[in-house]
Amino acid sequence: MYFFIEALLVRKEGVDLPKTLKIDITDKVIGKFKDGHMELYSSKYLIGKFFFKDLNQTFQLADGYVEEDGRFYLLVNLHHEQSSARL
């Protein structure tokens, strides 16, 4: 799965950059019906399941994906934790 993001991040004194980038992937998500639920794919990767039973709708998404107001987002961590290992 490839996403091309062009961003210029300028560090200003006293201003923290966001820790997570949220990318709207809604237009790339495809649903396939399977055994009473719908499997959700982005590219060819299974990213979650959508369960619909008696007007109750629930999403079960893989780590790094969220659903908000009917849209799907990929969350990208911009800050890497420093390793405590000593070289």
PDB file of N, CA and C in Angstrom:
ATOM      1  N   MET A   1       0.857  -1.155   0.000  1.00  0.00           N
ATOM      2  CA  MET A   1       0.000   0.000   0.000  1.00  0.00           C
ATOM      3  C   MET A   1       0.912   1.228   0.000  1.00  0.00           C
ATOM      4  N   TYR A   2       0.725   2.091  -0.954  1.00  0.00           N
ATOM      5  CA  TYR A   2       1.550   3.278  -1.063  1.00  0.00           C
ATOM      6  C   TYR A   2       0.682   4.522  -1.036  1.00  0.00           C
ATOM      7  N   PHE A   3       1.089   5.481  -0.242  1.00  0.00           N
ATOM      8  CA  PHE A   3       0.445   6.782  -0.212  1.00  0.00           C
ATOM      9  C   PHE A   3       1.538   7.814  -0.401  1.00  0.00           C
ATOM     10  N   PHE A   4       1.340   8.719  -1.323  1.00  0.00           N
ATOM     11  CA  PHE A   4       2.320   9.753  -1.562  1.00  0.00           C
ATOM     12  C   PHE A   4       1.849  11.021  -0.884  1.00  0.00           C
ATOM     13  N   ILE A   5       2.625  11.486   0.062  1.00  0.00           N
ATOM     14  CA  ILE A   5       2.274  12.678   0.825  1.00  0.00           C
ATOM     15  C   ILE A   5       3.410  13.667   0.677  1.00  0.00           C
ATOM     16  N   GLU A   6       3.067  14.836   0.237  1.00  0.00           N
ATOM     17  CA  GLU A   6       4.064  15.879   0.102  1.00  0.00           C
ATOM     18  C   GLU A   6       3.809  16.886   1.204  1.00  0.00           C
ATOM     19  N   ALA A   7       4.733  16.992   2.133  1.00  0.00           N
ATOM     20  CA  ALA A   7       4.523  17.906   3.260  1.00  0.00           C
ATOM     21  C   ALA A   7       5.836  18.578   3.612  1.00  0.00           C
ATOM     22  N   LEU A   8       5.739  19.822   3.968  1.00  0.00           N
ATOM     23  CA  LEU A   8       6.892  20.569   4.436  1.00  0.00           C
ATOM     24  C   LEU A   8       6.633  20.901   5.893  1.00  0.00           C
ATOM     25  N   LEU A   9       7.448  20.358   6.769  1.00  0.00           N
ATOM     26  CA  LEU A   9       7.287  20.602   8.192  1.00  0.00           C
ATOM     27  C   LEU A   9       8.360  21.580   8.641  1.00  0.00           C
ATOM     28  N   VAL A  10       7.943  22.695   9.147  1.00  0.00           N
ATOM     29  CA  VAL A  10       8.869  23.712   9.621  1.00  0.00           C
ATOM     30  C   VAL A  10       8.769  23.763  11.134  1.00  0.00           C
ATOM     31  N   ARG A  11       9.877  23.585  11.800  1.00  0.00           N
ATOM     32  CA  ARG A  11       9.898  23.584  13.261  1.00  0.00           C
ATOM     33  C   ARG A  11      10.065  25.008  13.747  1.00  0.00           C
ATOM     34  N   LYS A  12       9.087  25.485  14.510  1.00  0.00           N
ATOM     35  CA  LYS A  12       9.160  26.821  15.083  1.00  0.00           C
ATOM     36  C   LYS A  12       9.428  26.693  16.571  1.00  0.00           C
ATOM     37  N   GLU A  13      10.126  27.647  17.100  1.00  0.00           N
ATOM     38  CA  GLU A  13      10.459  27.653  18.519  1.00  0.00           C
ATOM     39  C   GLU A  13       9.186  27.621  19.359  1.00  0.00           C
ATOM     40  N   GLY A  14       9.090  26.643  20.255  1.00  0.00           N
ATOM     41  CA  GLY A  14       7.954  26.561  21.163  1.00  0.00           C
ATOM     42  C   GLY A  14       6.701  25.945  20.572  1.00  0.00           C
ATOM     43  N   VAL A  15       6.757  25.489  19.315  1.00  0.00           N
ATOM     44  CA  VAL A  15       5.581  24.889  18.683  1.00  0.00           C
ATOM     45  C   VAL A  15       5.872  23.411  18.442  1.00  0.00           C
ATOM     46  N   ASP A  16       5.013  22.558  18.982  1.00  0.00           N
ATOM     47  CA  ASP A  16       5.184  21.117  18.792  1.00  0.00           C
ATOM     48  C   ASP A  16       4.470  20.665  17.529  1.00  0.00           C
ATOM     49  N   LEU A  17       5.118  19.797  16.787  1.00  0.00           N
ATOM     50  CA  LEU A  17       4.499  19.215  15.600  1.00  0.00           C
ATOM     51  C   LEU A  17       3.513  18.134  16.036  1.00  0.00           C
ATOM     52  N   PRO A  18       2.506  17.876  15.236  1.00  0.00           N
ATOM     53  CA  PRO A  18       1.568  16.809  15.606  1.00  0.00           C
ATOM     54  C   PRO A  18       2.287  15.468  15.663  1.00  0.00           C
ATOM     55  N   LYS A  19       1.825  14.590  16.538  1.00  0.00           N
ATOM     56  CA  LYS A  19       2.456  13.289  16.690  1.00  0.00           C
ATOM     57  C   LYS A  19       1.890  12.261  15.719  1.00  0.00           C
ATOM     58  N   THR A  20       0.693  12.524  15.202  1.00  0.00           N
ATOM     59  CA  THR A  20       0.042  11.577  14.306  1.00  0.00           C
ATOM     60  C   THR A  20      -0.537  12.300  13.095  1.00  0.00           C
ATOM     61  N   LEU A  21      -0.301  11.738  11.937  1.00  0.00           N
ATOM     62  CA  LEU A  21      -0.877  12.247  10.699  1.00  0.00           C
ATOM     63  C   LEU A  21      -2.087  11.373  10.376  1.00  0.00           C
ATOM     64  N   LYS A  22      -3.228  11.987  10.083  1.00  0.00           N
ATOM     65  CA  LYS A  22      -4.462  11.258   9.783  1.00  0.00           C
ATOM     66  C   LYS A  22      -4.766  11.428   8.296  1.00  0.00           C
ATOM     67  N   ILE A  23      -4.708  10.321   7.546  1.00  0.00           N
ATOM     68  CA  ILE A  23      -4.898  10.342   6.100  1.00  0.00           C
ATOM     69  C   ILE A  23      -6.260   9.742   5.761  1.00  0.00           C
ATOM     70  N   ASP A  24      -7.085  10.494   5.051  1.00  0.00           N
ATOM     71  CA  ASP A  24      -8.410  10.020   4.647  1.00  0.00           C
ATOM     72  C   ASP A  24      -8.254   9.019   3.501  1.00  0.00           C
ATOM     73  N   ILE A  25      -8.634   7.762   3.755  1.00  0.00           N
ATOM     74  CA  ILE A  25      -8.522   6.708   2.741  1.00  0.00           C
ATOM     75  C   ILE A  25      -9.898   6.198   2.307  1.00  0.00           C
ATOM     76  N   THR A  26     -10.951   6.930   2.660  1.00  0.00           N
ATOM     77  CA  THR A  26     -12.323   6.479   2.405  1.00  0.00           C
ATOM     78  C   THR A  26     -12.538   6.057   0.957  1.00  0.00           C
ATOM     79  N   ASP A  27     -12.063   6.830   0.012  1.00  0.00           N
ATOM     80  CA  ASP A  27     -12.278   6.525  -1.410  1.00  0.00           C
ATOM     81  C   ASP A  27     -11.520   5.287  -1.872  1.00  0.00           C
ATOM     82  N   LYS A  28     -10.593   4.802  -1.064  1.00  0.00           N
ATOM     83  CA  LYS A  28      -9.806   3.624  -1.431  1.00  0.00           C
ATOM     84  C   LYS A  28     -10.304   2.348  -0.743  1.00  0.00           C
ATOM     85  N   VAL A  29     -11.309   2.469   0.141  1.00  0.00           N
ATOM     86  CA  VAL A  29     -11.811   1.309   0.884  1.00  0.00           C
ATOM     87  C   VAL A  29     -12.883   0.590   0.070  1.00  0.00           C
ATOM     88  N   ILE A  30     -12.738  -0.738  -0.002  1.00  0.00           N
ATOM     89  CA  ILE A  30     -13.679  -1.600  -0.719  1.00  0.00           C
ATOM     90  C   ILE A  30     -14.251  -2.604   0.276  1.00  0.00           C
ATOM     91  N   GLY A  31     -15.559  -2.841   0.199  1.00  0.00           N
ATOM     92  CA  GLY A  31     -16.202  -3.814   1.072  1.00  0.00           C
ATOM     93  C   GLY A  31     -16.606  -5.061   0.310  1.00  0.00           C
ATOM     94  N   LYS A  32     -16.409  -6.229   0.947  1.00  0.00           N
ATOM     95  CA  LYS A  32     -16.815  -7.509   0.365  1.00  0.00           C
ATOM     96  C   LYS A  32     -17.671  -8.248   1.392  1.00  0.00           C
ATOM     97  N   PHE A  33     -18.897  -8.637   0.999  1.00  0.00           N
ATOM     98  CA  PHE A  33     -19.775  -9.373   1.900  1.00  0.00           C
ATOM     99  C   PHE A  33     -19.217 -10.757   2.173  1.00  0.00           C
ATOM    100  N   LYS A  34     -19.276 -11.152   3.475  1.00  0.00           N
ATOM    101  CA  LYS A  34     -18.788 -12.473   3.843  1.00  0.00           C
ATOM    102  C   LYS A  34     -19.423 -12.909   5.162  1.00  0.00           C
ATOM    103  N   ASP A  35     -20.145 -13.999   5.157  1.00  0.00           N
ATOM    104  CA  ASP A  35     -20.698 -14.630   6.364  1.00  0.00           C
ATOM    105  C   ASP A  35     -21.327 -13.657   7.358  1.00  0.00           C
ATOM    106  N   GLY A  36     -22.263 -12.836   6.937  1.00  0.00           N
ATOM    107  CA  GLY A  36     -22.996 -11.963   7.849  1.00  0.00           C
ATOM    108  C   GLY A  36     -22.293 -10.680   8.228  1.00  0.00           C
ATOM    109  N   HIS A  37     -21.188 -10.377   7.593  1.00  0.00           N
ATOM    110  CA  HIS A  37     -20.495  -9.108   7.829  1.00  0.00           C
ATOM    111  C   HIS A  37     -19.852  -8.665   6.510  1.00  0.00           C
ATOM    112  N   MET A  38     -19.245  -7.509   6.534  1.00  0.00           N
ATOM    113  CA  MET A  38     -18.549  -7.010   5.354  1.00  0.00           C
ATOM    114  C   MET A  38     -17.076  -6.833   5.713  1.00  0.00           C
ATOM    115  N   GLU A  39     -16.198  -7.411   4.907  1.00  0.00           N
ATOM    116  CA  GLU A  39     -14.767  -7.216   5.111  1.00  0.00           C
ATOM    117  C   GLU A  39     -14.345  -5.952   4.378  1.00  0.00           C
ATOM    118  N   LEU A  40     -13.520  -5.150   5.026  1.00  0.00           N
ATOM    119  CA  LEU A  40     -13.077  -3.871   4.470  1.00  0.00           C
ATOM    120  C   LEU A  40     -11.619  -3.970   4.044  1.00  0.00           C
ATOM    121  N   TYR A  41     -11.348  -3.558   2.812  1.00  0.00           N
ATOM    122  CA  TYR A  41     -10.004  -3.631   2.248  1.00  0.00           C
ATOM    123  C   TYR A  41      -9.551  -2.258   1.776  1.00  0.00           C
ATOM    124  N   SER A  42      -8.270  -1.987   1.969  1.00  0.00           N
ATOM    125  CA  SER A  42      -7.621  -0.828   1.373  1.00  0.00           C
ATOM    126  C   SER A  42      -6.475  -1.398   0.551  1.00  0.00           C
ATOM    127  N   SER A  43      -6.466  -1.107  -0.727  1.00  0.00           N
ATOM    128  CA  SER A  43      -5.609  -1.813  -1.689  1.00  0.00           C
ATOM    129  C   SER A  43      -6.023  -3.271  -1.599  1.00  0.00           C
ATOM    130  N   LYS A  44      -5.126  -4.174  -1.359  1.00  0.00           N
ATOM    131  CA  LYS A  44      -5.514  -5.583  -1.235  1.00  0.00           C
ATOM    132  C   LYS A  44      -5.424  -6.067   0.205  1.00  0.00           C
ATOM    133  N   TYR A  45      -5.245  -5.144   1.152  1.00  0.00           N
ATOM    134  CA  TYR A  45      -5.053  -5.497   2.551  1.00  0.00           C
ATOM    135  C   TYR A  45      -6.345  -5.389   3.350  1.00  0.00           C
ATOM    136  N   LEU A  46      -6.653  -6.427   4.119  1.00  0.00           N
ATOM    137  CA  LEU A  46      -7.809  -6.413   5.001  1.00  0.00           C
ATOM    138  C   LEU A  46      -7.532  -5.444   6.145  1.00  0.00           C
ATOM    139  N   ILE A  47      -8.366  -4.403   6.263  1.00  0.00           N
ATOM    140  CA  ILE A  47      -8.152  -3.408   7.322  1.00  0.00           C
ATOM    141  C   ILE A  47      -9.219  -3.483   8.406  1.00  0.00           C
ATOM    142  N   GLY A  48     -10.264  -4.279   8.186  1.00  0.00           N
ATOM    143  CA  GLY A  48     -11.280  -4.387   9.218  1.00  0.00           C
ATOM    144  C   GLY A  48     -12.536  -5.082   8.741  1.00  0.00           C
ATOM    145  N   LYS A  49     -13.519  -5.095   9.658  1.00  0.00           N
ATOM    146  CA  LYS A  49     -14.805  -5.715   9.369  1.00  0.00           C
ATOM    147  C   LYS A  49     -15.919  -4.789   9.820  1.00  0.00           C
ATOM    148  N   PHE A  50     -17.020  -4.837   9.099  1.00  0.00           N
ATOM    149  CA  PHE A  50     -18.206  -4.043   9.413  1.00  0.00           C
ATOM    150  C   PHE A  50     -19.335  -5.017   9.707  1.00  0.00           C
ATOM    151  N   PHE A  51     -19.845  -4.962  10.942  1.00  0.00           N
ATOM    152  CA  PHE A  51     -20.921  -5.848  11.362  1.00  0.00           C
ATOM    153  C   PHE A  51     -22.222  -5.063  11.399  1.00  0.00           C
ATOM    154  N   PHE A  52     -23.250  -5.608  10.796  1.00  0.00           N
ATOM    155  CA  PHE A  52     -24.557  -4.952  10.795  1.00  0.00           C
ATOM    156  C   PHE A  52     -25.594  -6.004  11.165  1.00  0.00           C
ATOM    157  N   LYS A  53     -26.203  -5.810  12.331  1.00  0.00           N
ATOM    158  CA  LYS A  53     -27.175  -6.770  12.824  1.00  0.00           C
ATOM    159  C   LYS A  53     -28.258  -6.017  13.573  1.00  0.00           C
ATOM    160  N   ASP A  54     -29.495  -6.158  13.146  1.00  0.00           N
ATOM    161  CA  ASP A  54     -30.635  -5.517  13.813  1.00  0.00           C
ATOM    162  C   ASP A  54     -30.415  -4.022  14.008  1.00  0.00           C
ATOM    163  N   LEU A  55     -30.007  -3.330  12.973  1.00  0.00           N
ATOM    164  CA  LEU A  55     -29.766  -1.880  12.969  1.00  0.00           C
ATOM    165  C   LEU A  55     -28.589  -1.443  13.835  1.00  0.00           C
ATOM    166  N   ASN A  56     -27.905  -2.381  14.473  1.00  0.00           N
ATOM    167  CA  ASN A  56     -26.674  -2.044  15.205  1.00  0.00           C
ATOM    168  C   ASN A  56     -25.509  -2.198  14.241  1.00  0.00           C
ATOM    169  N   GLN A  57     -24.709  -1.153  14.127  1.00  0.00           N
ATOM    170  CA  GLN A  57     -23.576  -1.182  13.209  1.00  0.00           C
ATOM    171  C   GLN A  57     -22.292  -0.995  14.003  1.00  0.00           C
ATOM    172  N   THR A  58     -21.360  -1.901  13.841  1.00  0.00           N
ATOM    173  CA  THR A  58     -20.080  -1.784  14.535  1.00  0.00           C
ATOM    174  C   THR A  58     -18.942  -2.061  13.562  1.00  0.00           C
ATOM    175  N   PHE A  59     -17.833  -1.374  13.804  1.00  0.00           N
ATOM    176  CA  PHE A  59     -16.619  -1.574  13.019  1.00  0.00           C
ATOM    177  C   PHE A  59     -15.573  -2.229  13.901  1.00  0.00           C
ATOM    178  N   GLN A  60     -14.809  -3.117  13.314  1.00  0.00           N
ATOM    179  CA  GLN A  60     -13.661  -3.713  13.978  1.00  0.00           C
ATOM    180  C   GLN A  60     -12.495  -3.484  13.021  1.00  0.00           C
ATOM    181  N   LEU A  61     -11.636  -2.508  13.354  1.00  0.00           N
ATOM    182  CA  LEU A  61     -10.566  -2.113  12.434  1.00  0.00           C
ATOM    183  C   LEU A  61      -9.202  -2.521  12.968  1.00  0.00           C
ATOM    184  N   ALA A  62      -8.285  -2.762  12.059  1.00  0.00           N
ATOM    185  CA  ALA A  62      -6.909  -3.094  12.411  1.00  0.00           C
ATOM    186  C   ALA A  62      -6.241  -1.888  13.067  1.00  0.00           C
ATOM    187  N   ASP A  63      -5.176  -2.156  13.820  1.00  0.00           N
ATOM    188  CA  ASP A  63      -4.413  -1.069  14.443  1.00  0.00           C
ATOM    189  C   ASP A  63      -3.951  -0.090  13.374  1.00  0.00           C
ATOM    190  N   GLY A  64      -4.078   1.190  13.677  1.00  0.00           N
ATOM    191  CA  GLY A  64      -3.642   2.214  12.746  1.00  0.00           C
ATOM    192  C   GLY A  64      -4.739   2.734  11.837  1.00  0.00           C
ATOM    193  N   TYR A  65      -5.961   2.209  11.981  1.00  0.00           N
ATOM    194  CA  TYR A  65      -7.098   2.661  11.185  1.00  0.00           C
ATOM    195  C   TYR A  65      -8.229   3.081  12.115  1.00  0.00           C
ATOM    196  N   VAL A  66      -8.947   4.145  11.750  1.00  0.00           N
ATOM    197  CA  VAL A  66     -10.103   4.597  12.521  1.00  0.00           C
ATOM    198  C   VAL A  66     -11.225   4.981  11.568  1.00  0.00           C
ATOM    199  N   GLU A  67     -12.442   4.952  12.105  1.00  0.00           N
ATOM    200  CA  GLU A  67     -13.620   5.414  11.373  1.00  0.00           C
ATOM    201  C   GLU A  67     -14.213   6.563  12.159  1.00  0.00           C
ATOM    202  N   GLU A  68     -14.467   7.669  11.484  1.00  0.00           N
ATOM    203  CA  GLU A  68     -15.084   8.835  12.108  1.00  0.00           C
ATOM    204  C   GLU A  68     -16.110   9.412  11.143  1.00  0.00           C
ATOM    205  N   ASP A  69     -17.349   9.499  11.596  1.00  0.00           N
ATOM    206  CA  ASP A  69     -18.430  10.091  10.793  1.00  0.00           C
ATOM    207  C   ASP A  69     -18.539   9.482   9.395  1.00  0.00           C
ATOM    208  N   GLY A  70     -18.395   8.159   9.320  1.00  0.00           N
ATOM    209  CA  GLY A  70     -18.550   7.478   8.037  1.00  0.00           C
ATOM    210  C   GLY A  70     -17.347   7.547   7.121  1.00  0.00           C
ATOM    211  N   ARG A  71     -16.223   8.057   7.599  1.00  0.00           N
ATOM    212  CA  ARG A  71     -14.999   8.146   6.798  1.00  0.00           C
ATOM    213  C   ARG A  71     -13.933   7.269   7.454  1.00  0.00           C
ATOM    214  N   PHE A  72     -13.034   6.733   6.641  1.00  0.00           N
ATOM    215  CA  PHE A  72     -11.961   5.880   7.135  1.00  0.00           C
ATOM    216  C   PHE A  72     -10.631   6.620   7.037  1.00  0.00           C
ATOM    217  N   TYR A  73      -9.816   6.466   8.087  1.00  0.00           N
ATOM    218  CA  TYR A  73      -8.527   7.150   8.149  1.00  0.00           C
ATOM    219  C   TYR A  73      -7.417   6.171   8.506  1.00  0.00           C
ATOM    220  N   LEU A  74      -6.256   6.400   7.906  1.00  0.00           N
ATOM    221  CA  LEU A  74      -5.027   5.710   8.259  1.00  0.00           C
ATOM    222  C   LEU A  74      -4.246   6.653   9.160  1.00  0.00           C
ATOM    223  N   LEU A  75      -3.812   6.165  10.322  1.00  0.00           N
ATOM    224  CA  LEU A  75      -3.038   6.979  11.256  1.00  0.00           C
ATOM    225  C   LEU A  75      -1.562   6.644  11.101  1.00  0.00           C
ATOM    226  N   VAL A  76      -0.746   7.669  10.920  1.00  0.00           N
ATOM    227  CA  VAL A  76       0.690   7.486  10.741  1.00  0.00           C
ATOM    228  C   VAL A  76       1.406   8.187  11.881  1.00  0.00           C
ATOM    229  N   ASN A  77       2.222   7.436  12.627  1.00  0.00           N
ATOM    230  CA  ASN A  77       2.983   7.987  13.745  1.00  0.00           C
ATOM    231  C   ASN A  77       4.194   8.746  13.200  1.00  0.00           C
ATOM    232  N   LEU A  78       4.278  10.035  13.524  1.00  0.00           N
ATOM    233  CA  LEU A  78       5.375  10.864  13.017  1.00  0.00           C
ATOM    234  C   LEU A  78       6.572  10.917  13.955  1.00  0.00           C
ATOM    235  N   HIS A  79       6.373  10.537  15.198  1.00  0.00           N
ATOM    236  CA  HIS A  79       7.454  10.591  16.177  1.00  0.00           C
ATOM    237  C   HIS A  79       7.889   9.177  16.518  1.00  0.00           C
ATOM    238  N   HIS A  80       9.158   8.929  16.394  1.00  0.00           N
ATOM    239  CA  HIS A  80       9.705   7.625  16.738  1.00  0.00           C
ATOM    240  C   HIS A  80      10.317   7.726  18.125  1.00  0.00           C
ATOM    241  N   GLU A  81       9.974   6.765  18.961  1.00  0.00           N
ATOM    242  CA  GLU A  81      10.539   6.742  20.309  1.00  0.00           C
ATOM    243  C   GLU A  81      12.020   6.383  20.213  1.00  0.00           C
ATOM    244  N   GLN A  82      12.813   7.066  21.010  1.00  0.00           N
ATOM    245  CA  GLN A  82      14.234   6.759  21.019  1.00  0.00           C
ATOM    246  C   GLN A  82      14.456   5.453  21.759  1.00  0.00           C
ATOM    247  N   SER A  83      15.328   4.656  21.227  1.00  0.00           N
ATOM    248  CA  SER A  83      15.630   3.373  21.835  1.00  0.00           C
ATOM    249  C   SER A  83      16.461   3.575  23.092  1.00  0.00           C
ATOM    250  N   SER A  84      16.195   2.755  24.097  1.00  0.00           N
ATOM    251  CA  SER A  84      16.985   2.827  25.324  1.00  0.00           C
ATOM    252  C   SER A  84      18.195   1.899  25.242  1.00  0.00           C
ATOM    253  N   ALA A  85      18.342   1.189  24.120  1.00  0.00           N
ATOM    254  CA  ALA A  85      19.477   0.287  23.939  1.00  0.00           C
ATOM    255  C   ALA A  85      20.756   1.096  23.765  1.00  0.00           C
ATOM    256  N   ARG A  86      21.813   0.582  24.310  1.00  0.00           N
ATOM    257  CA  ARG A  86      23.114   1.255  24.188  1.00  0.00           C
ATOM    258  C   ARG A  86      23.962   0.517  23.168  1.00  0.00           C
ATOM    259  N   LEU A  87      24.582   1.302  22.327  1.00  0.00           N
ATOM    260  CA  LEU A  87      25.426   0.695  21.288  1.00  0.00           C
ATOM    261  C   LEU A  87      26.842   0.582  21.756  1.00  0.00           C
TER     262      LEU A  87
END
